[in-house]
Amino acid sequence: MAYFKIEIQTKPVPKARPRLGANGRMYTPKETREFEELIGWTTRSVVRKPIEKPVKVNIDVYSKTRADFDNIAKAILDGLSGVAFIDDRQVVDLRIRKLTPVNCEKIVISIREARSVLKCKTSD
């Protein structure tokens, strides 16, 4: 069963809304894009092949930022997508905690293959 743990010493960046450029196209803001790329490149140093099955993701954010958890999780999952797992639709269990940093701001991510997915019974 696949398991990875990644620690990244950086300030978390919440997922920002796409912006409309001068050319009329939508784009991801630079700070968000660079944060997602950092997550992806750091993960590539640990993960050889993306997990293809459902996954559990635990995220510990050591930061004083006041950003919403869901926006931080979105940016992290987008950075992991295609690297740790094929697509963030595979995430069946997501837990995120915000903790007070002792020395530095960091993010600790653990990803594991989910053991089982409950299936609904069909009535006859």
PDB file of N, CA and C in Angstrom:
ATOM      1  N   MET A   1       0.845  -1.176   0.000  1.00  0.00           N
ATOM      2  CA  MET A   1       0.000   0.000   0.000  1.00  0.00           C
ATOM      3  C   MET A   1       0.891   1.241   0.000  1.00  0.00           C
ATOM      4  N   ALA A   2       0.630   2.151  -0.895  1.00  0.00           N
ATOM      5  CA  ALA A   2       1.459   3.341  -1.064  1.00  0.00           C
ATOM      6  C   ALA A   2       1.247   4.341   0.075  1.00  0.00           C
ATOM      7  N   TYR A   3       2.362   4.955   0.525  1.00  0.00           N
ATOM      8  CA  TYR A   3       2.325   5.988   1.558  1.00  0.00           C
ATOM      9  C   TYR A   3       3.466   6.965   1.306  1.00  0.00           C
ATOM     10  N   PHE A   4       3.163   8.246   1.362  1.00  0.00           N
ATOM     11  CA  PHE A   4       4.181   9.279   1.183  1.00  0.00           C
ATOM     12  C   PHE A   4       3.986  10.350   2.238  1.00  0.00           C
ATOM     13  N   LYS A   5       5.097  10.917   2.695  1.00  0.00           N
ATOM     14  CA  LYS A   5       5.043  12.050   3.619  1.00  0.00           C
ATOM     15  C   LYS A   5       5.975  13.121   3.078  1.00  0.00           C
ATOM     16  N   ILE A   6       5.458  14.337   2.966  1.00  0.00           N
ATOM     17  CA  ILE A   6       6.215  15.440   2.389  1.00  0.00           C
ATOM     18  C   ILE A   6       6.173  16.602   3.370  1.00  0.00           C
ATOM     19  N   GLU A   7       7.326  17.203   3.631  1.00  0.00           N
ATOM     20  CA  GLU A   7       7.396  18.389   4.483  1.00  0.00           C
ATOM     21  C   GLU A   7       7.990  19.528   3.666  1.00  0.00           C
ATOM     22  N   ILE A   8       7.278  20.644   3.623  1.00  0.00           N
ATOM     23  CA  ILE A   8       7.708  21.788   2.825  1.00  0.00           C
ATOM     24  C   ILE A   8       7.751  23.014   3.728  1.00  0.00           C
ATOM     25  N   GLN A   9       8.927  23.587   3.878  1.00  0.00           N
ATOM     26  CA  GLN A   9       9.052  24.787   4.701  1.00  0.00           C
ATOM     27  C   GLN A   9       8.725  26.009   3.853  1.00  0.00           C
ATOM     28  N   THR A  10       7.486  26.422   3.947  1.00  0.00           N
ATOM     29  CA  THR A  10       6.992  27.577   3.195  1.00  0.00           C
ATOM     30  C   THR A  10       5.712  28.083   3.834  1.00  0.00           C
ATOM     31  N   LYS A  11       5.392  29.305   3.560  1.00  0.00           N
ATOM     32  CA  LYS A  11       4.122  29.874   4.005  1.00  0.00           C
ATOM     33  C   LYS A  11       3.029  29.365   3.067  1.00  0.00           C
ATOM     34  N   PRO A  12       1.914  28.862   3.612  1.00  0.00           N
ATOM     35  CA  PRO A  12       0.842  28.382   2.740  1.00  0.00           C
ATOM     36  C   PRO A  12       0.187  29.537   1.989  1.00  0.00           C
ATOM     37  N   VAL A  13      -0.184  29.264   0.764  1.00  0.00           N
ATOM     38  CA  VAL A  13      -0.850  30.263  -0.072  1.00  0.00           C
ATOM     39  C   VAL A  13      -2.231  29.728  -0.425  1.00  0.00           C
ATOM     40  N   PRO A  14      -3.280  30.434  -0.046  1.00  0.00           N
ATOM     41  CA  PRO A  14      -4.624  29.964  -0.399  1.00  0.00           C
ATOM     42  C   PRO A  14      -4.870  30.077  -1.896  1.00  0.00           C
ATOM     43  N   LYS A  15      -5.709  29.212  -2.408  1.00  0.00           N
ATOM     44  CA  LYS A  15      -6.082  29.240  -3.823  1.00  0.00           C
ATOM     45  C   LYS A  15      -6.836  30.537  -4.102  1.00  0.00           C
ATOM     46  N   ALA A  16      -6.297  31.332  -5.014  1.00  0.00           N
ATOM     47  CA  ALA A  16      -6.954  32.583  -5.396  1.00  0.00           C
ATOM     48  C   ALA A  16      -7.857  32.331  -6.595  1.00  0.00           C
ATOM     49  N   ARG A  17      -8.852  33.140  -6.738  1.00  0.00           N
ATOM     50  CA  ARG A  17      -9.765  33.005  -7.877  1.00  0.00           C
ATOM     51  C   ARG A  17      -9.039  33.335  -9.170  1.00  0.00           C
ATOM     52  N   PRO A  18      -9.414  32.672 -10.247  1.00  0.00           N
ATOM     53  CA  PRO A  18      -8.817  33.015 -11.546  1.00  0.00           C
ATOM     54  C   PRO A  18      -9.117  34.476 -11.895  1.00  0.00           C
ATOM     55  N   ARG A  19      -8.184  35.082 -12.600  1.00  0.00           N
ATOM     56  CA  ARG A  19      -8.319  36.489 -13.001  1.00  0.00           C
ATOM     57  C   ARG A  19      -8.519  36.578 -14.508  1.00  0.00           C
ATOM     58  N   LEU A  20      -9.104  37.677 -14.929  1.00  0.00           N
ATOM     59  CA  LEU A  20      -9.303  37.932 -16.349  1.00  0.00           C
ATOM     60  C   LEU A  20      -8.162  38.818 -16.836  1.00  0.00           C
ATOM     61  N   GLY A  21      -7.398  38.304 -17.804  1.00  0.00           N
ATOM     62  CA  GLY A  21      -6.262  39.045 -18.344  1.00  0.00           C
ATOM     63  C   GLY A  21      -6.692  40.076 -19.371  1.00  0.00           C
ATOM     64  N   ALA A  22      -5.740  40.912 -19.761  1.00  0.00           N
ATOM     65  CA  ALA A  22      -5.994  41.965 -20.750  1.00  0.00           C
ATOM     66  C   ALA A  22      -6.418  41.381 -22.096  1.00  0.00           C
ATOM     67  N   ASN A  23      -5.963  40.148 -22.367  1.00  0.00           N
ATOM     68  CA  ASN A  23      -6.296  39.495 -23.640  1.00  0.00           C
ATOM     69  C   ASN A  23      -7.651  38.785 -23.610  1.00  0.00           C
ATOM     70  N   GLY A  24      -8.355  38.890 -22.483  1.00  0.00           N
ATOM     71  CA  GLY A  24      -9.670  38.270 -22.375  1.00  0.00           C
ATOM     72  C   GLY A  24      -9.644  36.837 -21.885  1.00  0.00           C
ATOM     73  N   ARG A  25      -8.466  36.299 -21.600  1.00  0.00           N
ATOM     74  CA  ARG A  25      -8.344  34.919 -21.104  1.00  0.00           C
ATOM     75  C   ARG A  25      -8.214  34.908 -19.587  1.00  0.00           C
ATOM     76  N   MET A  26      -8.671  33.809 -19.006  1.00  0.00           N
ATOM     77  CA  MET A  26      -8.549  33.630 -17.560  1.00  0.00           C
ATOM     78  C   MET A  26      -7.164  33.084 -17.244  1.00  0.00           C
ATOM     79  N   TYR A  27      -6.619  33.493 -16.089  1.00  0.00           N
ATOM     80  CA  TYR A  27      -5.319  32.982 -15.668  1.00  0.00           C
ATOM     81  C   TYR A  27      -5.298  32.836 -14.153  1.00  0.00           C
ATOM     82  N   THR A  28      -4.414  31.955 -13.668  1.00  0.00           N
ATOM     83  CA  THR A  28      -4.218  31.767 -12.238  1.00  0.00           C
ATOM     84  C   THR A  28      -3.207  32.805 -11.765  1.00  0.00           C
ATOM     85  N   PRO A  29      -3.492  33.511 -10.666  1.00  0.00           N
ATOM     86  CA  PRO A  29      -2.542  34.500 -10.165  1.00  0.00           C
ATOM     87  C   PRO A  29      -1.165  33.886  -9.888  1.00  0.00           C
ATOM     88  N   LYS A  30      -0.125  34.680 -10.086  1.00  0.00           N
ATOM     89  CA  LYS A  30       1.263  34.220  -9.996  1.00  0.00           C
ATOM     90  C   LYS A  30       1.579  33.557  -8.654  1.00  0.00           C
ATOM     91  N   GLU A  31       1.167  34.163  -7.540  1.00  0.00           N
ATOM     92  CA  GLU A  31       1.490  33.612  -6.224  1.00  0.00           C
ATOM     93  C   GLU A  31       0.888  32.216  -6.051  1.00  0.00           C
ATOM     94  N   THR A  32      -0.350  32.043  -6.481  1.00  0.00           N
ATOM     95  CA  THR A  32      -1.007  30.731  -6.404  1.00  0.00           C
ATOM     96  C   THR A  32      -0.297  29.727  -7.300  1.00  0.00           C
ATOM     97  N   ARG A  33      -0.008  30.114  -8.527  1.00  0.00           N
ATOM     98  CA  ARG A  33       0.653  29.223  -9.492  1.00  0.00           C
ATOM     99  C   ARG A  33       2.017  28.775  -8.966  1.00  0.00           C
ATOM    100  N   GLU A  34       2.808  29.703  -8.427  1.00  0.00           N
ATOM    101  CA  GLU A  34       4.138  29.356  -7.910  1.00  0.00           C
ATOM    102  C   GLU A  34       4.045  28.432  -6.704  1.00  0.00           C
ATOM    103  N   PHE A  35       3.045  28.638  -5.830  1.00  0.00           N
ATOM    104  CA  PHE A  35       2.855  27.769  -4.673  1.00  0.00           C
ATOM    105  C   PHE A  35       2.492  26.355  -5.121  1.00  0.00           C
ATOM    106  N   GLU A  36       1.566  26.237  -6.063  1.00  0.00           N
ATOM    107  CA  GLU A  36       1.171  24.923  -6.577  1.00  0.00           C
ATOM    108  C   GLU A  36       2.351  24.224  -7.248  1.00  0.00           C
ATOM    109  N   GLU A  37       3.173  24.966  -7.966  1.00  0.00           N
ATOM    110  CA  GLU A  37       4.368  24.385  -8.602  1.00  0.00           C
ATOM    111  C   GLU A  37       5.367  23.910  -7.555  1.00  0.00           C
ATOM    112  N   LEU A  38       5.539  24.673  -6.465  1.00  0.00           N
ATOM    113  CA  LEU A  38       6.434  24.262  -5.379  1.00  0.00           C
ATOM    114  C   LEU A  38       5.959  22.946  -4.772  1.00  0.00           C
ATOM    115  N   ILE A  39       4.662  22.834  -4.520  1.00  0.00           N
ATOM    116  CA  ILE A  39       4.096  21.590  -3.979  1.00  0.00           C
ATOM    117  C   ILE A  39       4.384  20.437  -4.944  1.00  0.00           C
ATOM    118  N   GLY A  40       4.133  20.638  -6.214  1.00  0.00           N
ATOM    119  CA  GLY A  40       4.348  19.592  -7.221  1.00  0.00           C
ATOM    120  C   GLY A  40       5.800  19.167  -7.332  1.00  0.00           C
ATOM    121  N   TRP A  41       6.719  20.127  -7.418  1.00  0.00           N
ATOM    122  CA  TRP A  41       8.142  19.781  -7.566  1.00  0.00           C
ATOM    123  C   TRP A  41       8.694  19.100  -6.322  1.00  0.00           C
ATOM    124  N   THR A  42       8.281  19.558  -5.146  1.00  0.00           N
ATOM    125  CA  THR A  42       8.742  18.917  -3.913  1.00  0.00           C
ATOM    126  C   THR A  42       8.213  17.492  -3.837  1.00  0.00           C
ATOM    127  N   THR A  43       6.982  17.285  -4.231  1.00  0.00           N
ATOM    128  CA  THR A  43       6.376  15.953  -4.214  1.00  0.00           C
ATOM    129  C   THR A  43       7.070  15.023  -5.201  1.00  0.00           C
ATOM    130  N   ARG A  44       7.472  15.544  -6.354  1.00  0.00           N
ATOM    131  CA  ARG A  44       8.172  14.719  -7.360  1.00  0.00           C
ATOM    132  C   ARG A  44       9.462  14.111  -6.804  1.00  0.00           C
ATOM    133  N   SER A  45      10.081  14.774  -5.832  1.00  0.00           N
ATOM    134  CA  SER A  45      11.319  14.243  -5.261  1.00  0.00           C
ATOM    135  C   SER A  45      11.063  13.034  -4.359  1.00  0.00           C
ATOM    136  N   VAL A  46       9.807  12.818  -3.984  1.00  0.00           N
ATOM    137  CA  VAL A  46       9.449  11.715  -3.087  1.00  0.00           C
ATOM    138  C   VAL A  46       8.648  10.626  -3.802  1.00  0.00           C
ATOM    139  N   VAL A  47       7.787  11.028  -4.710  1.00  0.00           N
ATOM    140  CA  VAL A  47       6.854  10.106  -5.365  1.00  0.00           C
ATOM    141  C   VAL A  47       7.371   9.715  -6.745  1.00  0.00           C
ATOM    142  N   ARG A  48       7.442   8.426  -6.993  1.00  0.00           N
ATOM    143  CA  ARG A  48       7.897   7.946  -8.305  1.00  0.00           C
ATOM    144  C   ARG A  48       6.768   7.869  -9.315  1.00  0.00           C
ATOM    145  N   LYS A  49       5.613   7.415  -8.841  1.00  0.00           N
ATOM    146  CA  LYS A  49       4.473   7.201  -9.739  1.00  0.00           C
ATOM    147  C   LYS A  49       3.195   7.598  -9.000  1.00  0.00           C
ATOM    148  N   PRO A  50       2.302   8.328  -9.659  1.00  0.00           N
ATOM    149  CA  PRO A  50       1.052   8.717  -8.997  1.00  0.00           C
ATOM    150  C   PRO A  50       0.212   7.503  -8.591  1.00  0.00           C
ATOM    151  N   ILE A  51      -0.428   7.610  -7.441  1.00  0.00           N
ATOM    152  CA  ILE A  51      -1.346   6.571  -6.982  1.00  0.00           C
ATOM    153  C   ILE A  51      -2.576   6.597  -7.890  1.00  0.00           C
ATOM    154  N   GLU A  52      -3.037   5.428  -8.285  1.00  0.00           N
ATOM    155  CA  GLU A  52      -4.181   5.346  -9.195  1.00  0.00           C
ATOM    156  C   GLU A  52      -5.491   5.026  -8.482  1.00  0.00           C
ATOM    157  N   LYS A  53      -5.408   4.630  -7.218  1.00  0.00           N
ATOM    158  CA  LYS A  53      -6.598   4.250  -6.446  1.00  0.00           C
ATOM    159  C   LYS A  53      -7.055   5.422  -5.574  1.00  0.00           C
ATOM    160  N   PRO A  54      -8.195   5.281  -4.880  1.00  0.00           N
ATOM    161  CA  PRO A  54      -8.637   6.325  -3.955  1.00  0.00           C
ATOM    162  C   PRO A  54      -7.574   6.586  -2.882  1.00  0.00           C
ATOM    163  N   VAL A  55      -7.468   7.844  -2.425  1.00  0.00           N
ATOM    164  CA  VAL A  55      -6.429   8.224  -1.462  1.00  0.00           C
ATOM    165  C   VAL A  55      -7.000   8.981  -0.268  1.00  0.00           C
ATOM    166  N   LYS A  56      -6.231   8.912   0.835  1.00  0.00           N
ATOM    167  CA  LYS A  56      -6.475   9.716   2.032  1.00  0.00           C
ATOM    168  C   LYS A  56      -5.359  10.747   2.087  1.00  0.00           C
ATOM    169  N   VAL A  57      -5.706  11.984   2.379  1.00  0.00           N
ATOM    170  CA  VAL A  57      -4.712  13.049   2.458  1.00  0.00           C
ATOM    171  C   VAL A  57      -4.860  13.759   3.802  1.00  0.00           C
ATOM    172  N   ASN A  58      -3.757  13.852   4.535  1.00  0.00           N
ATOM    173  CA  ASN A  58      -3.708  14.619   5.783  1.00  0.00           C
ATOM    174  C   ASN A  58      -2.766  15.790   5.569  1.00  0.00           C
ATOM    175  N   ILE A  59      -3.211  16.982   5.939  1.00  0.00           N
ATOM    176  CA  ILE A  59      -2.405  18.184   5.767  1.00  0.00           C
ATOM    177  C   ILE A  59      -2.322  18.905   7.109  1.00  0.00           C
ATOM    178  N   ASP A  60      -1.101  19.123   7.587  1.00  0.00           N
ATOM    179  CA  ASP A  60      -0.867  19.933   8.779  1.00  0.00           C
ATOM    180  C   ASP A  60      -0.212  21.226   8.328  1.00  0.00           C
ATOM    181  N   VAL A  61      -0.868  22.337   8.611  1.00  0.00           N
ATOM    182  CA  VAL A  61      -0.371  23.652   8.212  1.00  0.00           C
ATOM    183  C   VAL A  61       0.121  24.363   9.467  1.00  0.00           C
ATOM    184  N   TYR A  62       1.420  24.618   9.530  1.00  0.00           N
ATOM    185  CA  TYR A  62       2.016  25.356  10.636  1.00  0.00           C
ATOM    186  C   TYR A  62       2.181  26.795  10.163  1.00  0.00           C
ATOM    187  N   SER A  63       1.219  27.640  10.519  1.00  0.00           N
ATOM    188  CA  SER A  63       1.238  29.000   9.991  1.00  0.00           C
ATOM    189  C   SER A  63       0.375  29.921  10.834  1.00  0.00           C
ATOM    190  N   LYS A  64       0.705  31.197  10.761  1.00  0.00           N
ATOM    191  CA  LYS A  64      -0.089  32.218  11.436  1.00  0.00           C
ATOM    192  C   LYS A  64      -1.078  32.874  10.471  1.00  0.00           C
ATOM    193  N   THR A  65      -1.124  32.400   9.247  1.00  0.00           N
ATOM    194  CA  THR A  65      -2.018  32.978   8.247  1.00  0.00           C
ATOM    195  C   THR A  65      -3.477  32.814   8.654  1.00  0.00           C
ATOM    196  N   ARG A  66      -4.300  33.745   8.223  1.00  0.00           N
ATOM    197  CA  ARG A  66      -5.719  33.697   8.557  1.00  0.00           C
ATOM    198  C   ARG A  66      -6.544  33.193   7.376  1.00  0.00           C
ATOM    199  N   ALA A  67      -5.912  32.626   6.405  1.00  0.00           N
ATOM    200  CA  ALA A  67      -6.606  32.147   5.203  1.00  0.00           C
ATOM    201  C   ALA A  67      -7.550  30.989   5.536  1.00  0.00           C
ATOM    202  N   ASP A  68      -8.581  30.845   4.722  1.00  0.00           N
ATOM    203  CA  ASP A  68      -9.539  29.750   4.887  1.00  0.00           C
ATOM    204  C   ASP A  68      -8.875  28.410   4.589  1.00  0.00           C
ATOM    205  N   PHE A  69      -9.215  27.411   5.413  1.00  0.00           N
ATOM    206  CA  PHE A  69      -8.688  26.058   5.203  1.00  0.00           C
ATOM    207  C   PHE A  69      -9.001  25.526   3.821  1.00  0.00           C
ATOM    208  N   ASP A  70     -10.243  25.725   3.386  1.00  0.00           N
ATOM    209  CA  ASP A  70     -10.636  25.128   2.113  1.00  0.00           C
ATOM    210  C   ASP A  70      -9.819  25.692   0.958  1.00  0.00           C
ATOM    211  N   ASN A  71      -9.464  26.958   1.005  1.00  0.00           N
ATOM    212  CA  ASN A  71      -8.660  27.537  -0.071  1.00  0.00           C
ATOM    213  C   ASN A  71      -7.205  27.075  -0.021  1.00  0.00           C
ATOM    214  N   ILE A  72      -6.684  26.848   1.187  1.00  0.00           N
ATOM    215  CA  ILE A  72      -5.326  26.290   1.318  1.00  0.00           C
ATOM    216  C   ILE A  72      -5.329  24.857   0.789  1.00  0.00           C
ATOM    217  N   ALA A  73      -6.331  24.076   1.185  1.00  0.00           N
ATOM    218  CA  ALA A  73      -6.425  22.685   0.726  1.00  0.00           C
ATOM    219  C   ALA A  73      -6.547  22.608  -0.788  1.00  0.00           C
ATOM    220  N   LYS A  74      -7.336  23.495  -1.400  1.00  0.00           N
ATOM    221  CA  LYS A  74      -7.493  23.496  -2.861  1.00  0.00           C
ATOM    222  C   LYS A  74      -6.158  23.704  -3.562  1.00  0.00           C
ATOM    223  N   ALA A  75      -5.374  24.669  -3.084  1.00  0.00           N
ATOM    224  CA  ALA A  75      -4.078  24.944  -3.711  1.00  0.00           C
ATOM    225  C   ALA A  75      -3.130  23.756  -3.551  1.00  0.00           C
ATOM    226  N   ILE A  76      -3.116  23.144  -2.364  1.00  0.00           N
ATOM    227  CA  ILE A  76      -2.242  21.991  -2.127  1.00  0.00           C
ATOM    228  C   ILE A  76      -2.673  20.814  -3.000  1.00  0.00           C
ATOM    229  N   LEU A  77      -3.963  20.510  -3.035  1.00  0.00           N
ATOM    230  CA  LEU A  77      -4.449  19.391  -3.849  1.00  0.00           C
ATOM    231  C   LEU A  77      -4.174  19.617  -5.330  1.00  0.00           C
ATOM    232  N   ASP A  78      -4.308  20.842  -5.799  1.00  0.00           N
ATOM    233  CA  ASP A  78      -3.993  21.132  -7.200  1.00  0.00           C
ATOM    234  C   ASP A  78      -2.508  20.919  -7.478  1.00  0.00           C
ATOM    235  N   GLY A  79      -1.649  21.243  -6.508  1.00  0.00           N
ATOM    236  CA  GLY A  79      -0.217  21.006  -6.666  1.00  0.00           C
ATOM    237  C   GLY A  79       0.138  19.525  -6.665  1.00  0.00           C
ATOM    238  N   LEU A  80      -0.627  18.729  -5.918  1.00  0.00           N
ATOM    239  CA  LEU A  80      -0.380  17.284  -5.833  1.00  0.00           C
ATOM    240  C   LEU A  80      -0.951  16.522  -7.029  1.00  0.00           C
ATOM    241  N   SER A  81      -1.959  17.099  -7.657  1.00  0.00           N
ATOM    242  CA  SER A  81      -2.649  16.443  -8.769  1.00  0.00           C
ATOM    243  C   SER A  81      -1.702  16.177  -9.935  1.00  0.00           C
ATOM    244  N   GLY A  82      -1.714  14.938 -10.406  1.00  0.00           N
ATOM    245  CA  GLY A  82      -0.830  14.551 -11.504  1.00  0.00           C
ATOM    246  C   GLY A  82       0.544  14.119 -11.033  1.00  0.00           C
ATOM    247  N   VAL A  83       0.825  14.303  -9.745  1.00  0.00           N
ATOM    248  CA  VAL A  83       2.139  13.938  -9.192  1.00  0.00           C
ATOM    249  C   VAL A  83       1.978  12.843  -8.135  1.00  0.00           C
ATOM    250  N   ALA A  84       1.240  13.131  -7.055  1.00  0.00           N
ATOM    251  CA  ALA A  84       1.025  12.150  -5.990  1.00  0.00           C
ATOM    252  C   ALA A  84      -0.130  11.211  -6.331  1.00  0.00           C
ATOM    253  N   PHE A  85      -1.107  11.756  -7.013  1.00  0.00           N
ATOM    254  CA  PHE A  85      -2.248  10.983  -7.500  1.00  0.00           C
ATOM    255  C   PHE A  85      -2.630  11.567  -8.846  1.00  0.00           C
ATOM    256  N   ILE A  86      -3.425  10.839  -9.597  1.00  0.00           N
ATOM    257  CA  ILE A  86      -3.740  11.267 -10.958  1.00  0.00           C
ATOM    258  C   ILE A  86      -4.624  12.513 -10.959  1.00  0.00           C
ATOM    259  N   ASP A  87      -5.659  12.515 -10.128  1.00  0.00           N
ATOM    260  CA  ASP A  87      -6.598  13.632 -10.106  1.00  0.00           C
ATOM    261  C   ASP A  87      -7.138  13.786  -8.688  1.00  0.00           C
ATOM    262  N   ASP A  88      -7.439  15.004  -8.268  1.00  0.00           N
ATOM    263  CA  ASP A  88      -7.916  15.190  -6.902  1.00  0.00           C
ATOM    264  C   ASP A  88      -9.311  14.607  -6.656  1.00  0.00           C
ATOM    265  N   ARG A  89      -9.969  14.127  -7.702  1.00  0.00           N
ATOM    266  CA  ARG A  89     -11.237  13.401  -7.512  1.00  0.00           C
ATOM    267  C   ARG A  89     -11.012  12.075  -6.789  1.00  0.00           C
ATOM    268  N   GLN A  90      -9.765  11.601  -6.737  1.00  0.00           N
ATOM    269  CA  GLN A  90      -9.445  10.350  -6.041  1.00  0.00           C
ATOM    270  C   GLN A  90      -9.445  10.511  -4.529  1.00  0.00           C
ATOM    271  N   VAL A  91      -9.427  11.739  -4.031  1.00  0.00           N
ATOM    272  CA  VAL A  91      -9.363  11.981  -2.589  1.00  0.00           C
ATOM    273  C   VAL A  91     -10.715  11.649  -1.971  1.00  0.00           C
ATOM    274  N   VAL A  92     -10.715  10.611  -1.116  1.00  0.00           N
ATOM    275  CA  VAL A  92     -11.948  10.183  -0.455  1.00  0.00           C
ATOM    276  C   VAL A  92     -11.955  10.565   1.021  1.00  0.00           C
ATOM    277  N   ASP A  93     -10.804  10.969   1.535  1.00  0.00           N
ATOM    278  CA  ASP A  93     -10.686  11.375   2.934  1.00  0.00           C
ATOM    279  C   ASP A  93      -9.662  12.504   2.992  1.00  0.00           C
ATOM    280  N   LEU A  94     -10.096  13.686   3.422  1.00  0.00           N
ATOM    281  CA  LEU A  94      -9.214  14.846   3.496  1.00  0.00           C
ATOM    282  C   LEU A  94      -9.309  15.443   4.889  1.00  0.00           C
ATOM    283  N   ARG A  95      -8.151  15.582   5.534  1.00  0.00           N
ATOM    284  CA  ARG A  95      -8.103  16.193   6.860  1.00  0.00           C
ATOM    285  C   ARG A  95      -7.041  17.281   6.842  1.00  0.00           C
ATOM    286  N   ILE A  96      -7.409  18.444   7.340  1.00  0.00           N
ATOM    287  CA  ILE A  96      -6.468  19.548   7.384  1.00  0.00           C
ATOM    288  C   ILE A  96      -6.539  20.182   8.773  1.00  0.00           C
ATOM    289  N   ARG A  97      -5.349  20.435   9.329  1.00  0.00           N
ATOM    290  CA  ARG A  97      -5.266  21.070  10.642  1.00  0.00           C
ATOM    291  C   ARG A  97      -4.371  22.296  10.537  1.00  0.00           C
ATOM    292  N   LYS A  98      -4.734  23.323  11.273  1.00  0.00           N
ATOM    293  CA  LYS A  98      -3.901  24.515  11.351  1.00  0.00           C
ATOM    294  C   LYS A  98      -3.267  24.523  12.734  1.00  0.00           C
ATOM    295  N   LEU A  99      -1.942  24.525  12.758  1.00  0.00           N
ATOM    296  CA  LEU A  99      -1.202  24.451  14.010  1.00  0.00           C
ATOM    297  C   LEU A  99      -0.306  25.680  14.149  1.00  0.00           C
ATOM    298  N   THR A 100       0.017  26.034  15.374  1.00  0.00           N
ATOM    299  CA  THR A 100       0.879  27.182  15.619  1.00  0.00           C
ATOM    300  C   THR A 100       2.322  26.802  15.326  1.00  0.00           C
ATOM    301  N   PRO A 101       3.004  27.587  14.477  1.00  0.00           N
ATOM    302  CA  PRO A 101       4.400  27.270  14.162  1.00  0.00           C
ATOM    303  C   PRO A 101       5.309  27.551  15.355  1.00  0.00           C
ATOM    304  N   VAL A 102       6.315  26.694  15.563  1.00  0.00           N
ATOM    305  CA  VAL A 102       7.279  26.889  16.639  1.00  0.00           C
ATOM    306  C   VAL A 102       8.454  27.708  16.118  1.00  0.00           C
ATOM    307  N   ASN A 103       9.104  27.237  15.078  1.00  0.00           N
ATOM    308  CA  ASN A 103      10.270  27.926  14.525  1.00  0.00           C
ATOM    309  C   ASN A 103      10.005  28.541  13.161  1.00  0.00           C
ATOM    310  N   CYS A 104       9.290  27.815  12.324  1.00  0.00           N
ATOM    311  CA  CYS A 104       9.089  28.292  10.955  1.00  0.00           C
ATOM    312  C   CYS A 104       7.737  27.810  10.431  1.00  0.00           C
ATOM    313  N   GLU A 105       7.273  28.492   9.398  1.00  0.00           N
ATOM    314  CA  GLU A 105       6.037  28.071   8.762  1.00  0.00           C
ATOM    315  C   GLU A 105       6.338  26.899   7.840  1.00  0.00           C
ATOM    316  N   LYS A 106       5.483  25.897   7.884  1.00  0.00           N
ATOM    317  CA  LYS A 106       5.687  24.721   7.030  1.00  0.00           C
ATOM    318  C   LYS A 106       4.364  24.011   6.812  1.00  0.00           C
ATOM    319  N   ILE A 107       4.400  23.085   5.864  1.00  0.00           N
ATOM    320  CA  ILE A 107       3.251  22.248   5.546  1.00  0.00           C
ATOM    321  C   ILE A 107       3.736  20.804   5.557  1.00  0.00           C
ATOM    322  N   VAL A 108       3.025  19.946   6.256  1.00  0.00           N
ATOM    323  CA  VAL A 108       3.344  18.519   6.278  1.00  0.00           C
ATOM    324  C   VAL A 108       2.148  17.788   5.666  1.00  0.00           C
ATOM    325  N   ILE A 109       2.433  17.049   4.598  1.00  0.00           N
ATOM    326  CA  ILE A 109       1.377  16.357   3.858  1.00  0.00           C
ATOM    327  C   ILE A 109       1.657  14.862   3.891  1.00  0.00           C
ATOM    328  N   SER A 110       0.674  14.075   4.287  1.00  0.00           N
ATOM    329  CA  SER A 110       0.808  12.623   4.172  1.00  0.00           C
ATOM    330  C   SER A 110      -0.316  12.121   3.273  1.00  0.00           C
ATOM    331  N   ILE A 111       0.078  11.231   2.386  1.00  0.00           N
ATOM    332  CA  ILE A 111      -0.853  10.689   1.394  1.00  0.00           C
ATOM    333  C   ILE A 111      -0.748   9.177   1.444  1.00  0.00           C
ATOM    334  N   ARG A 112      -1.878   8.534   1.518  1.00  0.00           N
ATOM    335  CA  ARG A 112      -1.876   7.071   1.503  1.00  0.00           C
ATOM    336  C   ARG A 112      -3.041   6.568   0.683  1.00  0.00           C
ATOM    337  N   GLU A 113      -2.840   5.395   0.174  1.00  0.00           N
ATOM    338  CA  GLU A 113      -3.909   4.725  -0.557  1.00  0.00           C
ATOM    339  C   GLU A 113      -5.016   4.395   0.438  1.00  0.00           C
ATOM    340  N   ALA A 114      -6.257   4.699   0.093  1.00  0.00           N
ATOM    341  CA  ALA A 114      -7.383   4.385   0.966  1.00  0.00           C
ATOM    342  C   ALA A 114      -7.591   2.878   0.967  1.00  0.00           C
ATOM    343  N   ARG A 115      -7.856   2.329   2.127  1.00  0.00           N
ATOM    344  CA  ARG A 115      -7.992   0.870   2.240  1.00  0.00           C
ATOM    345  C   ARG A 115      -9.212   0.336   1.519  1.00  0.00           C
ATOM    346  N   SER A 116     -10.321   0.994   1.692  1.00  0.00           N
ATOM    347  CA  SER A 116     -11.521   0.512   1.014  1.00  0.00           C
ATOM    348  C   SER A 116     -12.500   1.659   0.841  1.00  0.00           C
ATOM    349  N   VAL A 117     -13.337   1.498  -0.107  1.00  0.00           N
ATOM    350  CA  VAL A 117     -14.402   2.459  -0.352  1.00  0.00           C
ATOM    351  C   VAL A 117     -15.709   1.719  -0.125  1.00  0.00           C
ATOM    352  N   LEU A 118     -16.570   2.299   0.693  1.00  0.00           N
ATOM    353  CA  LEU A 118     -17.848   1.646   0.969  1.00  0.00           C
ATOM    354  C   LEU A 118     -18.721   1.668  -0.268  1.00  0.00           C
ATOM    355  N   LYS A 119     -19.361   0.545  -0.508  1.00  0.00           N
ATOM    356  CA  LYS A 119     -20.279   0.451  -1.643  1.00  0.00           C
ATOM    357  C   LYS A 119     -21.691   0.312  -1.107  1.00  0.00           C
ATOM    358  N   CYS A 120     -22.603   0.967  -1.749  1.00  0.00           N
ATOM    359  CA  CYS A 120     -24.010   0.919  -1.335  1.00  0.00           C
ATOM    360  C   CYS A 120     -24.652  -0.375  -1.816  1.00  0.00           C
ATOM    361  N   LYS A 121     -25.517  -0.912  -0.983  1.00  0.00           N
ATOM    362  CA  LYS A 121     -26.295  -2.076  -1.395  1.00  0.00           C
ATOM    363  C   LYS A 121     -27.421  -1.601  -2.286  1.00  0.00           C
ATOM    364  N   THR A 122     -27.704  -2.374  -3.275  1.00  0.00           N
ATOM    365  CA  THR A 122     -28.859  -2.063  -4.119  1.00  0.00           C
ATOM    366  C   THR A 122     -30.010  -2.942  -3.675  1.00  0.00           C
ATOM    367  N   SER A 123     -31.189  -2.361  -3.604  1.00  0.00           N
ATOM    368  CA  SER A 123     -32.347  -3.157  -3.193  1.00  0.00           C
ATOM    369  C   SER A 123     -32.931  -3.870  -4.403  1.00  0.00           C
ATOM    370  N   ASP A 124     -33.404  -5.066  -4.150  1.00  0.00           N
ATOM    371  CA  ASP A 124     -33.977  -5.878  -5.239  1.00  0.00           C
ATOM    372  C   ASP A 124     -35.415  -5.571  -5.458  1.00  0.00           C
TER     373      ASP A 124
END
